[in-house]
Structure formats: C-alpha cells, structure tokens
C-alpha atoms as a PDB file:
ATOM      1  CA  MET A   1       0.080  -0.126  -0.035  1.00  0.00           C
ATOM      2  CA  SER A   2       1.352   3.499  -0.982  1.00  0.00           C
ATOM      3  CA  GLN A   3       1.709   6.210   1.711  1.00  0.00           C
ATOM      4  CA  ARG A   4      -1.058   8.156  -0.352  1.00  0.00           C
ATOM      5  CA  GLN A   5      -3.483   5.093   0.299  1.00  0.00           C
ATOM      6  CA  GLY A   6      -2.991   4.916   3.969  1.00  0.00           C
ATOM      7  CA  ARG A   7      -1.960   6.502   6.931  1.00  0.00           C
ATOM      8  CA  CYS A   8       2.029   7.032   7.553  1.00  0.00           C
ATOM      9  CA  ALA A   9       3.019   5.110  10.423  1.00  0.00           C
ATOM     10  CA  ARG A  10       4.137   8.149  12.125  1.00  0.00           C
ATOM     11  CA  VAL A  11       5.013  11.767  10.979  1.00  0.00           C
ATOM     12  CA  ASP A  12       7.589  14.113  12.720  1.00  0.00           C
ATOM     13  CA  GLY A  13       9.161  16.852  10.424  1.00  0.00           C
ATOM     14  CA  TRP A  14       9.187  19.760   8.340  1.00  0.00           C
ATOM     15  CA  LEU A  15       7.667  19.730   4.574  1.00  0.00           C
ATOM     16  CA  VAL A  16       8.569  22.871   2.470  1.00  0.00           C
ATOM     17  CA  LEU A  17       5.799  23.271   0.124  1.00  0.00           C
ATOM     18  CA  ASP A  18       5.677  25.302  -2.996  1.00  0.00           C
ATOM     19  CA  LYS A  19       1.952  26.515  -2.680  1.00  0.00           C
ATOM     20  CA  PRO A  20       0.344  27.240  -5.861  1.00  0.00           C
ATOM     21  CA  GLN A  21      -1.460  30.273  -6.902  1.00  0.00           C
ATOM     22  CA  GLY A  22      -5.405  30.168  -6.368  1.00  0.00           C
ATOM     23  CA  THR A  23      -4.909  28.073  -3.314  1.00  0.00           C
ATOM     24  CA  THR A  24      -5.380  29.282   0.295  1.00  0.00           C
ATOM     25  CA  SER A  25      -2.779  28.132   2.738  1.00  0.00           C
ATOM     26  CA  THR A  26      -5.508  26.031   4.599  1.00  0.00           C
ATOM     27  CA  ALA A  27      -6.420  24.265   1.746  1.00  0.00           C
ATOM     28  CA  ALA A  28      -2.780  23.541   0.632  1.00  0.00           C
ATOM     29  CA  LEU A  29      -2.387  22.103   4.368  1.00  0.00           C
ATOM     30  CA  GLY A  30      -5.516  20.118   3.797  1.00  0.00           C
ATOM     31  CA  ALA A  31      -4.252  18.655   0.534  1.00  0.00           C
ATOM     32  CA  VAL A  32      -0.943  17.643   2.105  1.00  0.00           C
ATOM     33  CA  LYS A  33      -2.300  15.996   5.130  1.00  0.00           C
ATOM     34  CA  ARG A  34      -4.554  13.940   2.770  1.00  0.00           C
ATOM     35  CA  LEU A  35      -1.552  12.659   0.960  1.00  0.00           C
ATOM     36  CA  PHE A  36       0.227  11.581   4.187  1.00  0.00           C
ATOM     37  CA  GLY A  37      -3.129  10.092   5.627  1.00  0.00           C
ATOM     38  CA  GLY A  38      -4.173  12.912   7.735  1.00  0.00           C
ATOM     39  CA  PRO A  39      -1.590  13.167  10.762  1.00  0.00           C
ATOM     40  CA  LYS A  40      -1.324  16.082  13.197  1.00  0.00           C
ATOM     41  CA  ALA A  41       0.123  19.268  11.035  1.00  0.00           C
ATOM     42  CA  GLY A  42       0.073  22.981  10.794  1.00  0.00           C
ATOM     43  CA  HIS A  43       1.535  25.526   8.716  1.00  0.00           C
ATOM     44  CA  ALA A  44       3.783  28.241   9.595  1.00  0.00           C
ATOM     45  CA  GLY A  45       2.886  31.646   8.172  1.00  0.00           C
ATOM     46  CA  THR A  46      -0.231  32.195   6.009  1.00  0.00           C
ATOM     47  CA  LEU A  47       0.288  33.017   2.247  1.00  0.00           C
ATOM     48  CA  ASP A  48      -2.472  34.824   0.412  1.00  0.00           C
ATOM     49  CA  PRO A  49      -4.394  32.966  -2.192  1.00  0.00           C
ATOM     50  CA  LEU A  50      -2.800  35.037  -4.962  1.00  0.00           C
ATOM     51  CA  ALA A  51       0.636  34.259  -3.479  1.00  0.00           C
ATOM     52  CA  THR A  52       2.905  31.663  -4.831  1.00  0.00           C
ATOM     53  CA  GLY A  53       6.063  30.165  -2.869  1.00  0.00           C
ATOM     54  CA  ILE A  54       7.236  28.751   0.805  1.00  0.00           C
ATOM     55  CA  LEU A  55       4.706  27.457   3.072  1.00  0.00           C
ATOM     56  CA  PRO A  56       6.453  25.545   5.918  1.00  0.00           C
ATOM     57  CA  ILE A  57       4.345  22.402   6.949  1.00  0.00           C
ATOM     58  CA  ALA A  58       4.915  20.987  10.363  1.00  0.00           C
ATOM     59  CA  PHE A  59       4.097  17.375  11.203  1.00  0.00           C
ATOM     60  CA  GLY A  60       3.774  15.899  14.879  1.00  0.00           C
ATOM     61  CA  GLU A  61       6.607  16.992  17.034  1.00  0.00           C
ATOM     62  CA  ALA A  62       7.592  19.850  14.815  1.00  0.00           C
ATOM     63  CA  THR A  63       4.336  21.598  15.478  1.00  0.00           C
ATOM     64  CA  LYS A  64       5.553  22.553  18.776  1.00  0.00           C
ATOM     65  CA  VAL A  65       8.158  25.021  16.967  1.00  0.00           C
ATOM     66  CA  VAL A  66       5.588  26.343  14.679  1.00  0.00           C
ATOM     67  CA  PRO A  67       5.646  29.763  16.675  1.00  0.00           C
ATOM     68  CA  PHE A  68       9.095  30.191  16.055  1.00  0.00           C
ATOM     69  CA  VAL A  69       9.207  29.699  12.490  1.00  0.00           C
ATOM     70  CA  VAL A  70       6.298  32.145  12.104  1.00  0.00           C
ATOM     71  CA  ASP A  71       8.495  34.933  13.923  1.00  0.00           C
ATOM     72  CA  ALA A  72      11.581  33.992  11.463  1.00  0.00           C
ATOM     73  CA  ALA A  73      12.755  36.400   8.671  1.00  0.00           C
ATOM     74  CA  LYS A  74      11.107  36.198   5.498  1.00  0.00           C
ATOM     75  CA  ARG A  75      12.057  36.792   1.765  1.00  0.00           C
ATOM     76  CA  TYR A  76       9.482  37.706  -1.074  1.00  0.00           C
ATOM     77  CA  ARG A  77       9.537  38.669  -4.610  1.00  0.00           C
ATOM     78  CA  PHE A  78       6.750  40.704  -5.924  1.00  0.00           C
ATOM     79  CA  ARG A  79       5.412  42.472  -8.873  1.00  0.00           C
ATOM     80  CA  LEU A  80       4.174  46.408  -8.510  1.00  0.00           C
ATOM     81  CA  ARG A  81       1.715  47.899 -11.037  1.00  0.00           C
ATOM     82  CA  PHE A  82       1.638  51.620 -10.895  1.00  0.00           C
ATOM     83  CA  GLY A  83      -1.675  53.820 -11.258  1.00  0.00           C
ATOM     84  CA  GLU A  84      -4.446  51.983  -9.154  1.00  0.00           C
ATOM     85  CA  GLU A  85      -5.076  51.571  -5.595  1.00  0.00           C
ATOM     86  CA  ARG A  86      -7.179  48.599  -4.632  1.00  0.00           C
ATOM     87  CA  ASP A  87      -9.314  47.659  -1.449  1.00  0.00           C
ATOM     88  CA  THR A  88      -7.326  44.239  -0.970  1.00  0.00           C
ATOM     89  CA  ASP A  89      -4.178  46.036  -2.175  1.00  0.00           C
ATOM     90  CA  ASP A  90      -3.580  43.185  -4.794  1.00  0.00           C
ATOM     91  CA  ALA A  91      -5.011  42.325  -8.228  1.00  0.00           C
ATOM     92  CA  GLU A  92      -8.026  40.569  -6.640  1.00  0.00           C
ATOM     93  CA  GLY A  93      -9.612  43.712  -4.957  1.00  0.00           C
ATOM     94  CA  ALA A  94     -11.705  46.619  -6.345  1.00  0.00           C
ATOM     95  CA  VAL A  95     -10.386  49.639  -7.906  1.00  0.00           C
ATOM     96  CA  LEU A  96     -10.402  52.731  -5.111  1.00  0.00           C
ATOM     97  CA  GLU A  97      -8.716  55.326  -7.321  1.00  0.00           C
ATOM     98  CA  ARG A  98      -7.028  55.790 -10.447  1.00  0.00           C
ATOM     99  CA  ARG A  99      -4.237  58.252 -11.349  1.00  0.00           C
ATOM    100  CA  THR A 100      -2.299  58.795 -14.611  1.00  0.00           C
ATOM    101  CA  ILE A 101       0.854  59.864 -13.058  1.00  0.00           C
ATOM    102  CA  ARG A 102       3.827  57.471 -13.218  1.00  0.00           C
ATOM    103  CA  PRO A 103       7.397  57.275 -11.396  1.00  0.00           C
ATOM    104  CA  SER A 104      10.606  56.928 -13.184  1.00  0.00           C
ATOM    105  CA  GLU A 105      13.054  54.380 -12.348  1.00  0.00           C
ATOM    106  CA  ALA A 106      15.521  56.976 -10.644  1.00  0.00           C
ATOM    107  CA  GLU A 107      12.470  58.325  -8.555  1.00  0.00           C
ATOM    108  CA  LEU A 108      11.507  54.582  -7.321  1.00  0.00           C
ATOM    109  CA  ARG A 109      15.158  53.834  -6.506  1.00  0.00           C
ATOM    110  CA  ALA A 110      15.141  57.025  -4.471  1.00  0.00           C
ATOM    111  CA  ALA A 111      12.023  55.870  -2.502  1.00  0.00           C
ATOM    112  CA  LEU A 112      13.267  52.553  -1.567  1.00  0.00           C
ATOM    113  CA  PRO A 113      15.454  53.652   1.530  1.00  0.00           C
ATOM    114  CA  GLU A 114      12.563  55.358   3.242  1.00  0.00           C
ATOM    115  CA  PHE A 115      10.934  51.842   3.289  1.00  0.00           C
ATOM    116  CA  GLN A 116      13.778  50.077   4.942  1.00  0.00           C
ATOM    117  CA  GLY A 117      14.807  49.786   8.662  1.00  0.00           C
ATOM    118  CA  GLU A 118      12.121  49.895  11.379  1.00  0.00           C
ATOM    119  CA  ILE A 119       9.006  51.387   9.874  1.00  0.00           C
ATOM    120  CA  GLU A 120       5.380  51.832  10.700  1.00  0.00           C
ATOM    121  CA  GLN A 121       3.080  50.093   8.773  1.00  0.00           C
ATOM    122  CA  VAL A 122      -0.900  49.931   8.684  1.00  0.00           C
ATOM    123  CA  PRO A 123      -1.879  46.363   8.013  1.00  0.00           C
ATOM    124  CA  PRO A 124      -4.329  45.729   4.694  1.00  0.00           C
ATOM    125  CA  ARG A 125      -7.950  45.711   5.550  1.00  0.00           C
ATOM    126  CA  PHE A 126      -8.267  42.162   3.993  1.00  0.00           C
ATOM    127  CA  SER A 127      -5.956  40.645   6.262  1.00  0.00           C
ATOM    128  CA  ALA A 128      -5.619  38.418   9.246  1.00  0.00           C
ATOM    129  CA  VAL A 129      -5.610  41.089  11.739  1.00  0.00           C
ATOM    130  CA  LYS A 130      -8.056  40.766  14.389  1.00  0.00           C
ATOM    131  CA  LEU A 131     -10.461  43.620  15.477  1.00  0.00           C
ATOM    132  CA  ALA A 132     -12.262  42.985  18.380  1.00  0.00           C
ATOM    133  CA  GLY A 133     -12.166  39.153  18.201  1.00  0.00           C
ATOM    134  CA  GLU A 134     -12.850  39.288  14.407  1.00  0.00           C
ATOM    135  CA  ARG A 135     -10.802  39.025  11.609  1.00  0.00           C
ATOM    136  CA  ALA A 136     -10.159  42.140   9.422  1.00  0.00           C
ATOM    137  CA  TYR A 137     -10.911  40.553   5.922  1.00  0.00           C
ATOM    138  CA  ASP A 138     -14.297  38.931   7.468  1.00  0.00           C
ATOM    139  CA  LEU A 139     -15.340  42.476   8.477  1.00  0.00           C
ATOM    140  CA  ALA A 140     -14.000  43.965   5.256  1.00  0.00           C
ATOM    141  CA  ARG A 141     -16.077  41.397   3.309  1.00  0.00           C
ATOM    142  CA  SER A 142     -19.191  41.932   5.048  1.00  0.00           C
ATOM    143  CA  GLY A 143     -19.009  45.666   4.006  1.00  0.00           C
ATOM    144  CA  GLN A 144     -18.150  47.044   7.704  1.00  0.00           C
ATOM    145  CA  GLU A 145     -15.541  49.965   8.036  1.00  0.00           C
ATOM    146  CA  VAL A 146     -12.201  48.461   9.037  1.00  0.00           C
ATOM    147  CA  THR A 147      -9.468  50.657  10.656  1.00  0.00           C
ATOM    148  CA  LEU A 148      -6.475  49.138  11.572  1.00  0.00           C
ATOM    149  CA  SER A 149      -3.589  50.909  13.908  1.00  0.00           C
ATOM    150  CA  PRO A 150      -0.174  51.330  12.542  1.00  0.00           C
ATOM    151  CA  ARG A 151       2.479  48.863  14.120  1.00  0.00           C
ATOM    152  CA  ARG A 152       6.356  48.592  13.794  1.00  0.00           C
ATOM    153  CA  VAL A 153       7.608  46.190  11.555  1.00  0.00           C
ATOM    154  CA  ASN A 154      11.385  45.467  10.295  1.00  0.00           C
ATOM    155  CA  ILE A 155      12.491  45.555   6.602  1.00  0.00           C
ATOM    156  CA  HIS A 156      15.650  44.166   6.556  1.00  0.00           C
ATOM    157  CA  LYS A 157      16.181  44.901   2.800  1.00  0.00           C
ATOM    158  CA  ILE A 158      14.286  45.759  -0.116  1.00  0.00           C
ATOM    159  CA  ASP A 159      15.753  46.193  -3.831  1.00  0.00           C
ATOM    160  CA  LEU A 160      14.804  46.608  -7.233  1.00  0.00           C
ATOM    161  CA  VAL A 161      15.016  43.860  -9.273  1.00  0.00           C
ATOM    162  CA  GLU A 162      13.308  44.485 -12.555  1.00  0.00           C
ATOM    163  CA  TRP A 163      12.267  47.923 -14.007  1.00  0.00           C
ATOM    164  CA  ALA A 164       9.381  47.212 -16.286  1.00  0.00           C
ATOM    165  CA  GLY A 165       8.145  50.763 -16.365  1.00  0.00           C
ATOM    166  CA  PRO A 166       6.297  53.047 -16.778  1.00  0.00           C
ATOM    167  CA  GLU A 167       3.674  50.533 -15.406  1.00  0.00           C
ATOM    168  CA  GLU A 168       5.504  48.006 -13.344  1.00  0.00           C
ATOM    169  CA  ALA A 169       8.681  46.855 -11.251  1.00  0.00           C
ATOM    170  CA  VAL A 170       9.596  43.832  -9.675  1.00  0.00           C
ATOM    171  CA  LEU A 171      11.205  43.968  -6.061  1.00  0.00           C
ATOM    172  CA  ASP A 172      12.959  41.873  -3.657  1.00  0.00           C
ATOM    173  CA  LEU A 173      11.765  42.045  -0.059  1.00  0.00           C
ATOM    174  CA  SER A 174      13.487  40.481   3.341  1.00  0.00           C
ATOM    175  CA  CYS A 175      11.613  41.501   6.128  1.00  0.00           C
ATOM    176  CA  GLY A 176      10.615  40.437  10.006  1.00  0.00           C
ATOM    177  CA  LYS A 177       7.343  39.260  11.576  1.00  0.00           C
ATOM    178  CA  GLY A 178       4.209  41.117  10.869  1.00  0.00           C
ATOM    179  CA  ALA A 179       5.050  42.956   7.792  1.00  0.00           C
ATOM    180  CA  TYR A 180       2.793  42.985   4.768  1.00  0.00           C
ATOM    181  CA  VAL A 181       3.867  43.175   1.053  1.00  0.00           C
ATOM    182  CA  ARG A 182       0.774  44.594  -0.123  1.00  0.00           C
ATOM    183  CA  ALA A 183       0.972  47.275   2.460  1.00  0.00           C
ATOM    184  CA  LEU A 184       4.352  48.231   1.532  1.00  0.00           C
ATOM    185  CA  ALA A 185       3.163  48.367  -1.970  1.00  0.00           C
ATOM    186  CA  ARG A 186       0.231  50.557  -1.314  1.00  0.00           C
ATOM    187  CA  ASP A 187       2.637  52.959   0.681  1.00  0.00           C
ATOM    188  CA  LEU A 188       5.058  52.996  -1.884  1.00  0.00           C
ATOM    189  CA  GLY A 189       2.561  53.927  -4.380  1.00  0.00           C
ATOM    190  CA  ARG A 190       1.190  56.737  -2.310  1.00  0.00           C
ATOM    191  CA  ARG A 191       4.885  57.980  -1.549  1.00  0.00           C
ATOM    192  CA  LEU A 192       5.640  58.258  -5.278  1.00  0.00           C
ATOM    193  CA  GLY A 193       2.071  59.711  -5.911  1.00  0.00           C
ATOM    194  CA  CYS A 194       0.913  57.309  -8.931  1.00  0.00           C
ATOM    195  CA  LEU A 195      -0.593  54.664  -6.287  1.00  0.00           C
ATOM    196  CA  ALA A 196       0.054  50.997  -6.702  1.00  0.00           C
ATOM    197  CA  HIS A 197      -0.869  47.550  -5.830  1.00  0.00           C
ATOM    198  CA  VAL A 198       0.714  43.883  -6.137  1.00  0.00           C
ATOM    199  CA  THR A 199      -0.132  42.037  -9.230  1.00  0.00           C
ATOM    200  CA  ALA A 200       2.169  38.784  -8.307  1.00  0.00           C
ATOM    201  CA  LEU A 201       3.567  37.669  -5.000  1.00  0.00           C
ATOM    202  CA  ARG A 202       6.116  34.909  -4.277  1.00  0.00           C
ATOM    203  CA  ARG A 203       7.626  33.926  -0.806  1.00  0.00           C
ATOM    204  CA  LEU A 204      11.008  32.713  -1.595  1.00  0.00           C
ATOM    205  CA  ALA A 205      12.090  31.945   1.988  1.00  0.00           C
ATOM    206  CA  VAL A 206      10.918  31.419   5.789  1.00  0.00           C
ATOM    207  CA  GLY A 207      13.722  31.142   8.176  1.00  0.00           C
ATOM    208  CA  GLN A 208      15.993  28.052   7.230  1.00  0.00           C
ATOM    209  CA  PHE A 209      13.254  26.753   4.487  1.00  0.00           C
ATOM    210  CA  ASP A 210      13.842  28.084   0.907  1.00  0.00           C
ATOM    211  CA  GLU A 211      13.209  26.884  -2.585  1.00  0.00           C
ATOM    212  CA  SER A 212      16.094  24.552  -2.870  1.00  0.00           C
ATOM    213  CA  ARG A 213      14.299  22.527  -0.270  1.00  0.00           C
ATOM    214  CA  ALA A 214      10.441  22.890  -1.724  1.00  0.00           C
ATOM    215  CA  ILE A 215       8.308  20.599  -3.519  1.00  0.00           C
ATOM    216  CA  SER A 216       5.006  21.210  -5.310  1.00  0.00           C
ATOM    217  CA  LEU A 217       1.622  19.501  -4.821  1.00  0.00           C
ATOM    218  CA  ALA A 218       2.047  17.622  -8.004  1.00  0.00           C
ATOM    219  CA  GLY A 219       5.620  16.609  -7.027  1.00  0.00           C
ATOM    220  CA  LEU A 220       4.181  15.165  -3.762  1.00  0.00           C
ATOM    221  CA  GLU A 221       1.006  13.207  -5.636  1.00  0.00           C
ATOM    222  CA  GLU A 222       4.030  11.738  -7.638  1.00  0.00           C
ATOM    223  CA  LEU A 223       5.817  10.389  -4.472  1.00  0.00           C
ATOM    224  CA  GLY A 224       2.511   9.411  -2.719  1.00  0.00           C
ATOM    225  CA  HIS A 225       1.985   6.804  -5.739  1.00  0.00           C
ATOM    226  CA  LYS A 226       5.504   5.322  -5.257  1.00  0.00           C
ATOM    227  CA  GLY A 227       4.894   5.415  -1.672  1.00  0.00           C
ATOM    228  CA  THR A 228       8.092   7.505  -0.902  1.00  0.00           C
ATOM    229  CA  LEU A 229       6.354  10.448   0.563  1.00  0.00           C
ATOM    230  CA  LEU A 230       8.398  10.466   3.733  1.00  0.00           C
ATOM    231  CA  GLN A 231      11.739  11.223   2.172  1.00  0.00           C
ATOM    232  CA  VAL A 232      10.945  14.805   1.414  1.00  0.00           C
ATOM    233  CA  LEU A 233      10.491  15.230   5.350  1.00  0.00           C
ATOM    234  CA  LEU A 234      13.336  17.641   6.878  1.00  0.00           C
ATOM    235  CA  PRO A 235      13.911  16.713  10.961  1.00  0.00           C
ATOM    236  CA  VAL A 236      12.355  18.796  13.247  1.00  0.00           C
ATOM    237  CA  GLU A 237      15.413  20.658  14.334  1.00  0.00           C
ATOM    238  CA  THR A 238      15.844  21.955  10.957  1.00  0.00           C
ATOM    239  CA  ALA A 239      13.922  24.857  12.032  1.00  0.00           C
ATOM    240  CA  LEU A 240      16.061  25.657  14.942  1.00  0.00           C
ATOM    241  CA  ALA A 241      19.404  26.590  13.433  1.00  0.00           C
ATOM    242  CA  ASP A 242      19.309  30.038  14.390  1.00  0.00           C
ATOM    243  CA  ILE A 243      18.660  29.163  17.938  1.00  0.00           C
ATOM    244  CA  PRO A 244      21.623  28.928  20.243  1.00  0.00           C
ATOM    245  CA  ALA A 245      22.263  24.928  20.666  1.00  0.00           C
ATOM    246  CA  LEU A 246      23.255  23.579  24.175  1.00  0.00           C
ATOM    247  CA  ALA A 247      23.990  19.733  24.909  1.00  0.00           C
ATOM    248  CA  VAL A 248      23.239  18.139  27.914  1.00  0.00           C
ATOM    249  CA  THR A 249      23.536  14.751  29.343  1.00  0.00           C
ATOM    250  CA  GLY A 250      21.608  11.654  28.916  1.00  0.00           C
ATOM    251  CA  ALA A 251      20.143  12.097  32.604  1.00  0.00           C
ATOM    252  CA  GLU A 252      19.579  15.623  32.321  1.00  0.00           C
ATOM    253  CA  ALA A 253      17.434  15.135  29.180  1.00  0.00           C
ATOM    254  CA  GLU A 254      15.369  12.729  31.229  1.00  0.00           C
ATOM    255  CA  ARG A 255      14.749  15.132  33.928  1.00  0.00           C
ATOM    256  CA  LEU A 256      13.869  18.044  30.945  1.00  0.00           C
ATOM    257  CA  ARG A 257      11.339  15.434  29.447  1.00  0.00           C
ATOM    258  CA  GLN A 258       9.684  15.063  32.808  1.00  0.00           C
ATOM    259  CA  GLY A 259       9.338  18.995  32.931  1.00  0.00           C
ATOM    260  CA  GLN A 260      11.871  19.633  35.551  1.00  0.00           C
ATOM    261  CA  SER A 261      14.773  22.255  35.356  1.00  0.00           C
ATOM    262  CA  VAL A 262      18.133  21.415  35.454  1.00  0.00           C
ATOM    263  CA  ARG A 263      21.395  23.228  36.400  1.00  0.00           C
ATOM    264  CA  VAL A 264      23.736  24.268  33.389  1.00  0.00           C
ATOM    265  CA  PRO A 265      27.226  25.632  33.589  1.00  0.00           C
ATOM    266  CA  SER A 266      26.741  28.008  30.988  1.00  0.00           C
ATOM    267  CA  SER A 267      26.922  31.657  29.983  1.00  0.00           C
ATOM    268  CA  GLN A 268      23.932  31.385  27.835  1.00  0.00           C
ATOM    269  CA  ARG A 269      20.878  33.180  28.218  1.00  0.00           C
ATOM    270  CA  GLY A 270      17.311  33.061  26.811  1.00  0.00           C
ATOM    271  CA  ILE A 271      15.880  30.657  24.412  1.00  0.00           C
ATOM    272  CA  VAL A 272      17.986  27.595  23.388  1.00  0.00           C
ATOM    273  CA  TYR A 273      17.599  24.487  21.472  1.00  0.00           C
ATOM    274  CA  VAL A 274      18.654  21.473  23.825  1.00  0.00           C
ATOM    275  CA  ALA A 275      20.021  18.333  22.221  1.00  0.00           C
ATOM    276  CA  ALA A 276      21.634  15.176  23.890  1.00  0.00           C
ATOM    277  CA  ALA A 277      23.822  12.854  22.151  1.00  0.00           C
ATOM    278  CA  GLY A 278      22.845  14.781  19.027  1.00  0.00           C
ATOM    279  CA  GLN A 279      19.080  14.051  19.283  1.00  0.00           C
ATOM    280  CA  PRO A 280      16.474  16.931  20.027  1.00  0.00           C
ATOM    281  CA  VAL A 281      15.503  17.085  23.383  1.00  0.00           C
ATOM    282  CA  ALA A 282      13.474  20.410  23.960  1.00  0.00           C
ATOM    283  CA  LEU A 283      13.365  24.086  23.528  1.00  0.00           C
ATOM    284  CA  GLY A 284      14.199  25.823  26.894  1.00  0.00           C
ATOM    285  CA  ARG A 285      15.084  29.147  28.477  1.00  0.00           C
ATOM    286  CA  VAL A 286      18.093  29.317  30.399  1.00  0.00           C
ATOM    287  CA  GLU A 287      17.911  32.083  33.425  1.00  0.00           C
ATOM    288  CA  GLU A 288      20.884  32.297  36.052  1.00  0.00           C
ATOM    289  CA  GLY A 289      22.307  28.991  35.086  1.00  0.00           C
ATOM    290  CA  GLU A 290      18.889  27.158  35.481  1.00  0.00           C
ATOM    291  CA  LEU A 291      17.754  25.417  32.019  1.00  0.00           C
ATOM    292  CA  ARG A 292      13.540  25.285  32.026  1.00  0.00           C
ATOM    293  CA  PRO A 293      11.894  23.328  29.574  1.00  0.00           C
ATOM    294  CA  LEU A 294       9.460  24.929  27.028  1.00  0.00           C
ATOM    295  CA  ARG A 295       8.483  22.573  24.703  1.00  0.00           C
ATOM    296  CA  VAL A 296       9.713  18.807  24.941  1.00  0.00           C
ATOM    297  CA  PHE A 297      10.311  16.886  21.917  1.00  0.00           C
ATOM    298  CA  ARG A 298       9.213  13.053  22.161  1.00  0.00           C
ATOM    299  CA  LEU A 299      10.522  11.365  19.262  1.00  0.00           C
ATOM    300  CA  PRO A 300      10.640   7.540  18.596  1.00  0.00           C
ATOM    301  CA  GLY A 301      13.616   5.977  19.757  1.00  0.00           C
ATOM    302  CA  LYS A 302      15.223   9.230  21.018  1.00  0.00           C
ATOM    303  CA  ASP A 303      13.518   9.591  24.634  1.00  0.00           C
ATOM    304  CA  LYS A 304      16.766   7.616  25.887  1.00  0.00           C
ATOM    305  CA  ALA A 305      19.682   9.184  25.296  1.00  0.00           C
ATOM    306  CA  ASP A 306      23.291   7.942  26.325  1.00  0.00           C
ATOM    307  CA  VAL A 307      23.700   8.490  30.069  1.00  0.00           C
ATOM    308  CA  ASP A 308      27.268   8.843  29.754  1.00  0.00           C
ATOM    309  CA  HIS A 309      27.109  11.670  26.968  1.00  0.00           C
ATOM    310  CA  ARG A 310      28.749  14.883  28.244  1.00  0.00           C
ATOM    311  CA  ARG A 311      27.979  18.508  26.895  1.00  0.00           C
ATOM    312  CA  THR A 312      30.447  19.352  24.095  1.00  0.00           C
END
C-alpha cells in the first residue's frame, strides 16, 4: 500500500511546500495532510491565495516550534503595478482610485530607502489581523468599516530587481514578522504619488526553509503513488538552526522530558535548543544558570539518550 492510500506510520518533521497560486494556505495544508494520511500538522505562516512559494508545514513534534518559524525572517519577490489603488492592495480587489502619473526608475530607487529599517505600517484591510475578536478580512467582506492601527515592522532589505516601467516593477523584500508586502506596495505607491498594488507575489524563504528544499503538490502526488512521501521530510530541528544550541547529558535530558529544570554551567541566556547525543530534547530557557523546558520533543527512539554523554 502506498503512503497516499494509507496513513503513514508516524510523521514528525517539516515539509517545505511550494504553494500554488489560487489556493489558500488552509486548503494547501489540507491537501498535504490527506496525502500523508491525516497526521497532526500545521503551517507556519499564511500566504495569500494570490501568492505562491514557501509554505513550511510541520508534522507531529515539529508543530511545537511553529511559533518560532512564524516569527522568522522572510523573503519575497513581488510585482508592483502603478496607477491604481485597490481595496485588497492586490490584483483581486476593487479599484478605489486611479492616477495617470507614473514614476521614473530613478524616483522609485530614491524612494526605497525610506521603506527600509524599522517602519510604521498599517496592515491591509483584507488581512488576518483581529479587531474585537474578528478577522479584518471578514469585517471588510461584510461591508463594515475597517480601521487598523499602525504597527512597527522591520524591513531588512528592499531591492529593485526589474524595471518594467512605466507601468510595473519587480522588487525583492526581506522582512521580519508582521510585515505585509501588500501594505508596503500601497504605501510606496502613495509616496510616489502614482498609487500601486501587487499583481504577483512569491515567498522565497521563511527562516531556514527556501526554494532549494521545496516541493509542489504535484510532486507530492507523484511521491505518494510511489510510496516515498517520507523522503521529503526534514528533521524537526531543521527549523531551529538560528537558535543557540545547548548539549546536555542523557540523565539531564530525562529530567527535562519530565518537565524538570536542570542546572547548566553555561553563560547562555534566553531561548536555547537542547540536544543530547545529537538528538532533539527540548526548547528551553536559560536564566541564572537554570535550564527550564518550554517545549519537549518526544520522538520515537530518541527518548533515551546515552546517560554517559557529556556536553561538548
């Protein structure tokens, strides 16, 4: 029986999905879960239906670190069209205003530094931001007035990749959590005086996950027919490469797995990735020499580390 036809025995790890255009992130997650037989899974960061690209999907124990991936740096490539502002800030929305003015390439390049660094940004009205417990996009779709407050976001880098003027331009964006490409496009259009919206958007990377590790839904279907779906999974700890690592003994690992704190001779502070004998144990927090477990990993065959293992 192929993995597509029956439930995979146990699934722990990460899948880097190349989400197709026109599919919601929730629908893409559902399709992947069905291929794997319905294991516990979640995605790390919603992509708009219009957008394509990297959608990290966590299975089993990897779901415990989804919040860390959601907060990771992201990279996008998007196409900007000048002359129109739309209610969704992308090509799917209704036109709110048109202008005939168009920027030059030099004017666009000159404006980009203003949108780099820590900036204030008002999320799009059609976004997942909550207002009084309701999603902004639900309120907007029902015809209600949506007024969102500005928030601070980090734009690490923004570059002009292609000038297709005077109507369009392609840009690369690297940003921190909470930044909206559609909002940046809207604000850039207003700054240039011409208005603008996004017509194409692709996410190139989320934290440690990029296009070099991605697979399409069609590719997964093919592997499902061959019964080789599990070969595309990445280890749980793949998402934690940017988090400081701390090695513990097997005995200490057992205590951490039981929810107990352990003393560690370490100058490290804050969040750490804990491993024993090279195997994932937990995410923890170190404060004043005490390591407290926050998320404990229970992976098959990895609950018993070598008790003689020492920190390296």
